[in-house]
Each structure stands twice: as structure tokens, then as C-alpha cells.
Protein backbone atom coordinates (compact mmCIF):
# COMPACT_ATOMS: atom_id res chain seq x y z
CA MET A 1 0.30 3.89 22.69
CA ASP A 2 -1.05 2.45 25.98
CA GLU A 3 -2.60 -0.98 26.74
CA ARG A 4 -6.24 0.15 26.50
CA GLU A 5 -5.50 1.67 23.09
CA LEU A 6 -3.82 -1.60 21.83
CA SER A 7 -6.84 -3.53 22.98
CA PHE A 8 -9.15 -1.23 21.10
CA VAL A 9 -7.06 -1.77 17.84
CA ALA A 10 -6.93 -5.43 18.25
CA LEU A 11 -10.72 -5.64 18.93
CA LYS A 12 -11.52 -3.69 15.82
CA VAL A 13 -9.13 -5.91 13.75
CA ARG A 14 -10.64 -9.04 15.19
CA THR A 15 -14.28 -7.67 14.33
CA GLU A 16 -13.23 -6.84 10.84
CA SER A 17 -11.20 -9.98 10.04
CA SER A 18 -12.94 -12.58 8.02
CA THR A 19 -13.52 -16.20 9.25
CA ALA A 20 -11.48 -17.31 6.18
CA GLU A 21 -8.68 -15.31 7.09
CA ARG A 22 -8.50 -16.50 10.42
CA LYS A 23 -8.39 -20.29 9.16
CA THR A 24 -5.70 -19.62 6.55
CA ALA A 25 -3.41 -22.57 6.41
CA GLY A 26 0.09 -21.77 7.87
CA PHE A 27 -0.93 -18.49 9.45
CA ILE A 28 -0.24 -18.80 13.18
CA LEU A 29 -0.65 -15.57 14.88
CA LEU A 30 -4.05 -14.16 15.38
CA PRO A 31 -4.69 -11.01 13.22
CA GLU A 32 -5.21 -8.90 16.46
CA ILE A 33 -1.78 -9.95 17.75
CA THR A 34 -0.06 -9.31 14.38
CA THR A 35 -1.53 -5.86 14.31
CA ILE A 36 -0.02 -5.08 17.71
CA ILE A 37 3.15 -6.15 16.43
CA LEU A 38 2.99 -4.13 13.31
CA LEU A 39 2.43 -0.91 15.46
CA PHE A 40 6.07 -1.18 16.53
CA LEU A 41 7.32 -1.38 12.98
CA GLU A 42 8.09 1.54 10.44
CA ALA A 43 5.79 2.36 7.63
CA ARG A 44 8.24 0.93 5.03
CA ASP A 45 8.58 -2.48 7.08
CA VAL A 46 4.69 -2.75 7.13
CA CYS A 47 4.65 -2.33 3.47
CA SER A 48 7.32 -4.91 2.92
CA LEU A 49 5.57 -7.35 5.06
CA SER A 50 2.13 -6.79 3.22
CA SER A 51 3.80 -8.65 0.29
CA CYS A 52 4.30 -11.98 2.20
CA SER A 53 0.89 -13.30 2.12
CA LYS A 54 -2.81 -12.49 1.38
CA VAL A 55 -3.68 -12.40 5.14
CA LEU A 56 -0.79 -10.12 6.02
CA HIS A 57 -1.65 -8.07 3.04
CA GLY A 58 -5.15 -7.35 4.57
CA ILE A 59 -3.78 -6.96 8.12
CA CYS A 60 -0.85 -4.62 6.91
CA ASN A 61 -3.34 -2.47 4.93
CA SER A 62 -5.91 -2.30 7.78
CA ASP A 63 -7.05 1.36 8.47
CA TYR A 64 -6.51 0.90 12.06
CA VAL A 65 -2.73 0.01 11.46
CA TRP A 66 -2.23 3.29 9.32
CA ARG A 67 -4.28 5.45 11.55
CA GLU A 68 -1.85 4.49 14.37
CA LEU A 69 1.35 4.86 12.13
CA TYR A 70 -0.14 8.27 11.09
CA ARG A 71 -0.74 9.35 14.76
CA ARG A 72 2.93 8.23 15.69
CA ARG A 73 4.49 10.15 12.95
CA TRP A 74 2.35 13.33 13.10
CA PRO A 75 0.73 13.55 16.45
CA GLN A 76 -0.38 17.18 16.08
CA GLN A 77 -1.70 16.70 12.44
CA PHE A 78 -3.61 13.69 13.74
CA ILE A 79 -5.29 15.49 16.51
CA SER A 80 -6.32 18.20 14.01
CA SER A 81 -7.60 15.71 11.49
CA MET A 82 -9.70 13.82 14.19
CA GLU A 83 -11.24 17.19 15.35
CA LEU A 84 -12.20 17.95 11.81
CA LEU A 85 -13.76 14.47 11.36
CA GLU A 86 -15.60 14.68 14.64
CA ALA A 87 -16.89 18.25 13.33
CA LEU A 88 -17.98 16.81 9.92
CA GLU A 89 -19.73 13.80 11.75
CA SER A 90 -21.73 16.20 14.03
CA CYS A 91 -22.60 18.25 11.01
CA ARG A 92 -23.76 15.33 9.05
CA ASP A 93 -25.82 14.20 12.05
CA ASP A 94 -27.37 17.55 12.36
CA VAL A 95 -28.37 17.38 8.70
CA ILE A 96 -29.90 13.90 8.99
CA HIS A 97 -32.01 14.99 11.86
CA GLY A 98 -33.14 18.06 10.10
CA THR A 99 -31.35 20.64 12.64
CA GLN A 100 -28.97 22.23 10.11
CA SER A 101 -28.97 23.25 6.44
CA SER A 102 -28.24 20.54 3.96
CA GLY A 103 -25.40 22.84 2.62
CA CYS A 104 -23.26 21.29 5.31
CA THR A 105 -23.02 18.08 3.18
CA SER A 106 -20.87 19.85 0.77
CA PHE A 107 -17.91 19.44 3.25
CA PRO A 108 -15.45 16.86 1.61
CA SER A 109 -15.16 13.41 3.38
CA LEU A 110 -11.80 13.46 5.10
CA HIS A 111 -9.78 10.26 4.76
CA SER A 112 -12.30 8.96 2.25
CA GLN A 113 -9.46 6.87 0.83
CA GLY A 114 -8.34 5.60 4.28
CA TRP A 115 -5.50 6.46 6.59
CA LYS A 116 -2.84 4.71 4.49
CA ALA A 117 -3.68 7.14 1.54
CA GLN A 118 -3.60 10.15 4.02
CA TYR A 119 -0.18 8.93 5.34
CA ILE A 120 1.24 8.70 1.77
CA THR A 121 -0.09 12.19 0.94
CA SER A 122 1.37 13.54 4.07
CA HIS A 123 4.66 11.95 3.50
CA MET A 124 5.10 13.20 -0.02
CA GLU A 125 4.18 16.72 1.34
CA MET A 126 6.87 16.51 3.96
CA ALA A 127 9.41 15.05 1.60
CA SER A 128 8.71 17.74 -0.91
CA LYS A 129 9.42 20.44 1.52
CA ILE A 130 12.51 19.04 2.73
CA SER A 131 13.79 18.29 -0.82
CA ASP A 132 13.00 22.08 -1.64
CA LEU A 133 15.00 23.18 1.39
CA LEU A 134 17.92 21.03 0.62
CA ALA A 135 17.83 22.00 -3.10
CA PHE A 136 17.95 25.84 -2.07
CA SER A 137 20.84 25.19 0.31
CA TYR A 138 22.88 23.25 -2.42
CA THR A 139 22.84 26.40 -4.50
CA TRP A 140 25.24 28.02 -1.86
CA ARG A 141 27.75 25.17 -2.22
CA MET A 142 31.19 25.78 -3.55
CA ARG A 143 33.28 22.88 -4.91
CA ASN A 144 31.10 20.52 -2.99
CA TYR A 145 31.48 22.33 0.32
CA LEU A 146 28.78 24.00 2.47
CA ALA A 147 29.51 26.62 5.08
CA VAL A 148 28.52 25.70 8.54
CA SER A 149 26.33 28.82 8.74
CA GLN A 150 24.39 27.50 5.91
CA PHE A 151 24.23 23.94 7.37
CA LEU A 152 23.14 25.30 10.69
CA TYR A 153 20.49 27.34 8.79
CA VAL A 154 18.98 24.21 7.17
CA VAL A 155 19.02 22.48 10.64
CA LYS A 156 16.97 25.59 12.01
CA CYS A 157 14.60 25.33 9.22
CA LEU A 158 13.73 21.72 9.91
CA THR A 159 13.25 22.64 13.61
CA SER A 160 10.62 25.16 12.39
CA MET A 161 8.92 22.47 10.42
CA LYS A 162 8.75 20.27 13.66
CA LEU A 163 10.11 17.17 11.86
CA THR A 164 9.86 14.02 13.99
CA PHE A 165 12.54 11.41 13.92
CA GLU A 166 10.49 9.24 11.52
CA ASP A 167 10.33 12.11 9.18
CA VAL A 168 14.23 12.16 9.38
CA CYS A 169 14.53 8.47 8.91
CA SER A 170 12.01 8.49 5.98
CA VAL A 171 13.53 11.44 4.05
CA LEU A 172 16.94 12.41 5.24
CA PHE A 173 18.40 9.06 6.18
CA SER A 174 18.48 7.72 2.62
CA THR A 175 21.19 6.76 0.20
CA LYS A 176 19.44 8.71 -2.39
CA GLN A 177 20.15 11.69 -0.38
CA SER A 178 23.50 13.51 -0.36
CA VAL A 179 25.94 12.81 2.51
CA ILE A 180 25.34 16.44 3.73
CA ALA A 181 21.54 15.72 3.84
CA ASN A 182 22.22 12.60 6.02
CA LEU A 183 24.55 14.62 8.22
CA ILE A 184 21.82 17.23 8.67
CA GLY A 185 19.36 14.53 9.62
CA LEU A 186 22.02 13.32 12.26
CA GLN A 187 22.73 16.57 13.64
CA TYR A 188 18.92 17.50 14.00
CA SER A 189 18.05 14.07 15.59
CA ILE A 190 20.74 14.32 18.34
CA ILE A 191 20.99 18.09 18.87
CA ILE A 192 17.55 19.23 18.37
CA LEU A 193 15.37 16.15 19.25
CA GLY A 194 17.76 15.06 22.01
CA LEU A 195 17.82 11.35 20.96
CA GLU A 196 20.46 9.03 22.15
CA ASN A 197 23.47 8.64 20.01
CA LYS A 198 23.29 4.92 19.88
CA ASP A 199 19.62 5.07 18.47
CA VAL A 200 20.49 7.50 15.98
CA LYS A 201 23.49 5.42 14.93
CA GLU A 202 21.35 2.21 14.70
CA ALA A 203 19.13 3.99 12.35
CA VAL A 204 22.07 5.35 10.13
CA VAL A 205 23.73 1.63 9.99
CA SER A 206 20.24 0.11 9.11
CA ARG A 207 19.90 2.48 6.20
CA GLY A 208 23.55 1.72 4.89
CA LEU A 209 24.88 5.18 5.67
CA ALA A 210 27.41 4.52 8.34
CA GLU A 211 30.20 4.41 5.94
CA ARG A 212 29.33 7.38 3.94
CA GLU A 213 32.21 9.83 4.26
CA VAL A 214 32.07 13.59 5.15
CA CYS A 215 35.10 16.05 4.98
CA LEU A 216 35.35 18.87 7.22
CA ASN A 217 37.72 21.65 6.90
CA TRP A 218 38.38 24.88 8.96
CA LEU A 219 40.88 27.44 9.92
CA THR A 220 42.28 27.37 13.41
CA ARG A 221 44.28 30.02 15.42
CA ARG A 222 47.71 28.92 16.25
CA LYS A 223 48.74 29.12 19.90
CA ASN A 224 51.97 30.88 18.96
CA LEU A 225 51.92 34.45 17.69
CA ASP A 226 54.20 33.70 14.68
CA PRO A 227 52.87 36.52 12.30
CA LEU A 228 53.51 34.29 9.35
CA HIS A 229 51.53 31.41 10.61
CA VAL A 230 48.69 32.92 12.58
CA GLU A 231 46.11 30.65 11.03
CA GLN A 232 46.29 27.11 9.93
CA ARG A 233 43.62 25.07 7.83
CA CYS A 234 42.86 21.62 9.26
CA TYR A 235 41.07 18.73 7.45
CA LEU A 236 39.26 15.74 8.91
CA THR A 237 37.68 13.01 6.77
CA THR A 238 35.47 10.75 8.76
CA SER A 239 32.04 8.77 8.27
CA ILE A 240 28.37 9.32 9.19
CA GLY A 241 28.71 6.29 11.61
CA LYS A 242 31.49 7.68 13.42
CA ILE A 243 30.25 11.18 13.80
CA ALA A 244 26.93 9.77 15.25
CA MET A 245 28.90 8.47 18.28
CA ASP A 246 31.38 11.49 18.40
CA LYS A 247 29.85 14.17 20.75
CA GLU A 248 32.94 16.34 20.24
CA VAL A 249 32.23 16.60 16.44
CA LEU A 250 28.65 17.03 16.99
CA GLU A 251 29.29 20.04 19.15
CA PHE A 252 31.96 21.02 16.63
CA LEU A 253 29.13 21.30 13.95
CA LYS A 254 26.57 22.74 16.40
CA TRP A 255 28.55 25.94 17.15
CA GLY A 256 30.30 26.31 13.82
CA ILE A 257 32.58 29.16 15.05
CA THR A 258 34.58 29.69 18.33
CA THR A 259 37.58 31.51 19.50
CA ASP A 260 39.68 28.68 18.41
CA PHE A 261 38.49 28.00 14.85
CA TYR A 262 36.24 29.32 12.24
CA ASP A 263 35.41 29.19 8.59
CA LEU A 264 34.04 25.67 8.97
CA LEU A 265 33.25 23.80 5.60
CA ILE A 266 31.45 20.68 5.25
CA GLY A 267 32.15 18.59 2.14
CA THR A 268 30.94 15.46 0.44
CA LEU A 269 34.28 14.57 -1.29
CA PRO A 270 37.66 15.03 0.48
CA ASP A 271 40.32 16.87 -1.53
CA GLN A 272 43.26 14.89 -2.33
CA GLY A 273 46.56 15.52 -0.43
CA MET A 274 44.64 17.08 2.52
CA LYS A 275 46.18 16.63 5.93
CA GLN A 276 43.96 15.05 8.36
CA THR A 277 43.73 15.77 12.01
CA THR A 278 41.96 14.28 14.86
């Protein structure tokens, strides 16, 4: 959002803010300044802030705030929605001026309940799609382990869904999801979206996921050619927070199979007595 757009939003909020709201005791920041600050927050933080006071409740639920939150999270859908809105407005104007059939008025009023309602609807739809995909992938698990090929398949499906980082944070970076789901979101964010490791780790830490543990096990080909010990199964138990900063493990998960190792499994619970390797 550039400076001109921020000024436009501030002007709209200032225009619609009542005099009483502006003079509320103890409220220091002007509504338009508060709105600009809100646009740098996540939707969940805006919702939390709305419960602090009546004035903040009004500003946090402003249609302009949620319009920008929607545009930031789903830019392509936003463009499509705005194009449809413009088409409907043009159609309505034609009807008013008698240049088009009144049958055009049968079109539904898009966002009739506001951008916040549309945001919630889109979020629920996206969360449902991701949940269905995760539920399908979990049917492949054996003893709490998921093969890396299946793991990468889910990441590929998320790529086709064009998830944004906010989608990942809102749905996959949650303690309500499995550790594997958290790891899928981490892998997608760094490898597919190309985000900085530190930024992803910050999101992981802020959502209480950093200490959640993942167990990896794989077969490796031994350097010596002893016919009785050609293969060796290795195990590594680590945390989501550590993986976020470990480029070697991320590449390990990205490729899944190389000339040196194969049969990589990703588990949510480490088996007892496993030998850990680094």
C-alpha cells in the first residue's frame, strides 16, 4: 500500500468518524492514524484490538480496514471482486437512466454485508480446502509417519492453490494443526514463497510452534560396500523452530530422495530408543 492509498483510507475514515468518537476521553490517536497502523497488523490482531474500547471497535470494524486486509491477503480475488462491483454499478446506473433492462437489478449485491464478512467467508473457504487436503494426506500415514513423496505432494497442491503467507499463518501455523501440517506450512513458505528464514521463524515462534518436535527417519547408503550393511536407517528428532533456520534440513525435505539417502519418513512422535544423527 503506497502513501496515496494510505491517505485515501485515512480520509474516508475521518469523514465517517463521528464527532463524538473523536472526542472520546482517553483516546489519543486520531481515527485515521489508528487505521493506518491497523493496516500493518494481521486480521486476528485487529479483531483482538477491537475489544479494547468502543472507539477502537468502530475503527477496527471499518469497511476500509477490512477491504485493505482482504486485498493484502487475496490480491487476485480482490481485483476480481472490484471488477465485478464496477460492472454491477455500471449496470445499475444504466437501469436508473433507462438505458438497460431492469432485469439487471436481479444481480446480487456483492459485499452487501461488508468486507469483513467477505474476509471471513473467504478465510473459511480457504481453511476448508486446506483441511480437506490435510485430512486426505493423513490417510496415507503409517504409525504416525508420512512419506516424503506424500509430504511434497501436499506442498505442490498448496502451490496450485496459490496460498499467501497470511494463508499459511492463519491456517497451517496453528497449534490446533498437527506438527506435520506446521512443517508443511514452513516448507511452503521458505521453499515455494521464498521468504526469509528469520521471518518464517518469527511467525512460528509467535504462534507457539517453535518447540513442537518432528522426527525424520531415512535409509542411507553406506560408503563401504560391506554386503551385510549396505543400508543404515538414521533418525533425527528436531523442532519446528530449528528446522526454520536449518537450510540443510529444508533442502533435505525438498528433494526427499538423493543418491545418498532415500525412504525418508516424517513423523509427529519420535520412536523410543532411536539413534539420533546430526
